[in-house]
Amino acid sequence: MKHFRSLLFSLVLLLVSLAGAAEWSEIANSQHSLRSLGKEFYVDVPVAPIQGARLILFNADAAKRLGLEVPADPAVLEKVILDNFALFVNPENPTKHMMATYYQDSGRKGPGEANGDGRAVWTGESKLGNGSVDFVLKGIGVTPLAWTNHPESGHKDGLQAVGEAVHSFVHSEANFKNGLDSTVDLAVIEIPLQKENKYTGKMENATITLRAGDQFRVAHLAYHSDNISNQKKFFNYIMDREFRVKDPVEYFRQFTLNLSEEAARMYDLHAVHGSPTLGNRSLRGSTIDMGTFRYLDANHGEYSYLFNRMFHRKQKEQMRSYIRNNLDFLLSTGVIAREQYPTISAMGDRLFDDTYKETLTKLWLGRLGLNEMQMAKIGPEIRSRFYLDVFRLYEESANTKTTLAGQEIKPAAIDVRQIFKNILAHLSEGGDLNKLTPVKRPWMNSDRSYLYRDFKDTAAYIIRSLDLSKDEWRELYLRNQKANASVREVPTDDLFFQKEKVITEMIEKKKSYVEISKVAMDSVNDLVDDLLERTAQPEGYRMMSGLKKSTAVAVRCEKVFF
């Protein structure tokens, strides 16, 4: 069976070939298969159109991937989006009722607690092959499941600030192009209400986000922990809806595969989910809610998040904890026996570790420039040595502390992207190993050339063992340059990249959604590594502007290798 994490991407591609484009009204009809389970799993929320709304961001690529028709006329498209999705909670004069689902993402449940979708409703569902995609509106006001007992007003007003929406929009598409399995934001609508941005303290216009993807959370199972019958009913629904499997052990295996690949890709990308709760991880292992997601510029292990309770260097183990959470729920529902638990748990740990290491090895061989066929030629001993050499580069910390992202930490010592990007030229031309990192980052304050030597020797062995022709060498070199082209901004104190601030300024100046979306996609591309197999679409790849120069360097390198 194919890896479980490939499901979303393969299903998305299937959509492109389906006859006829889907109508937006079909994913805004309030219909969803969860309703068939009964009212114990959702509440109906009265909503109505909100006046004065305007479209400020639209992801045309994502809409097309989902088989949705995108009118060529911007005005027509905006009308379609606003007519279907510019909705807000309105108990007095509702025009329709949409579903908010029960899930538990806090220590308690009950009146006023965090009982599920507190500021979101599910607009509809789209069947894709053997699976489904959910469509959710976020920021539509206070639902009956809102956390109204929370001491902070920002957690219980049902609103979403424009800064949060912009950040999520950019990062959700960057995640897709980077091969991460997460929800994607299709559109952002500005509404005539105000909300404080919790990061900047500024009052901003409120927004509604239309989000697509798998949106059933581990926290959905948690909510029903006190009603085993409902919990089992919901779990069986998920197994059938998502995977068409009946065997809970097979479901658990696929969940673990997806989670381990996701953990490896996030490590390679220096990606951090700032709120890794049961409510932000789907029952397929994918990521939900990009409001606190960020890409670091290097593997800063001491970078902390979630109120300084978690650290980037521990993210792998934090993600592993979802395996135990999921398995505990399978045990409590009775779909696996207690005597099976130790065996299945050990299997999950082994599968997680083996898949994590193999995924990282392939990603790093991809950064070196190898394609799938070339990777297959590299034996297990060399693969293992290569993995350890690169891992040491990622894990090395500076000797002294510096201020980074508002924190006093010992940052990463090495910008590994630069090492990968310059290694092939160095193998050809020799010279000072420190020139592998010609762009000095503010946090780079120490010489680590002694670590480069092992990596250089292993990389040279791998390249020479491939016995490449001149054409294959050029192709490998260009893949290497594309995979490591991006140089990210140093993380700021307030979570947001500079281009995100430019986007919010454009929104304040009432620029058109077409103009704003173009800048947003430029910001997306700044976060994307064009690495082998990261993205499911060819159009996700972007060629570097320095192609001619890169080709010239590749030809120069041939003189040494041939």
Foldseek 3Di string as FASTA:
>chain_A
DDFLLCVVLVLLQQLLPDPAADEPVQQQQQDDPVCVLDPVWKDWFFKDAAPPKWWFAFDPVSCVSNRHDQDPDPVVNGCSCRVRPNMAGDPPDGPGIFIWTFFDFDDDDDFLAQGGQQQKTWRHWDDGDQAIKTKMKAARFGGRNFNRVDPDVLRHGSWAFPLLVLQQQLVQVLQQLQQAAEKHWGTKMFHADWDADPLPRDIGTTIMTIIMGFQAFLRSLVSCLVPLVSSLVVVCVCCNRHPNDDQVLVLLLSLLLNQLLNLLSCLVQQKDQQDPTRNQAHSRGHGYRSSRIAGAQALFQQDAHPVRPDTSVCVLVVSLVVSVSVLVSCDSSPSDDPVCSVVSNVVSVVSSVVSNLVSNLQQVVLLLQDAPVLVVPDDPVLSVLLSVLLVCQRPAWAPAWDQALNDTGGGRQDSVLLLSLCLLLCLQPPDDQVVSCVDDDPNHDDDDSVSSVSNSVSSVVSVLVSVDDLVSLLNSNQSNCQQSVARDDGHHNRRDDPLSVVLSVCVVVVHHSVVSNVSSVVSSVNSHGNTPPSHSDPVSRDHDPCVVVSSVSSVVSVVRSD
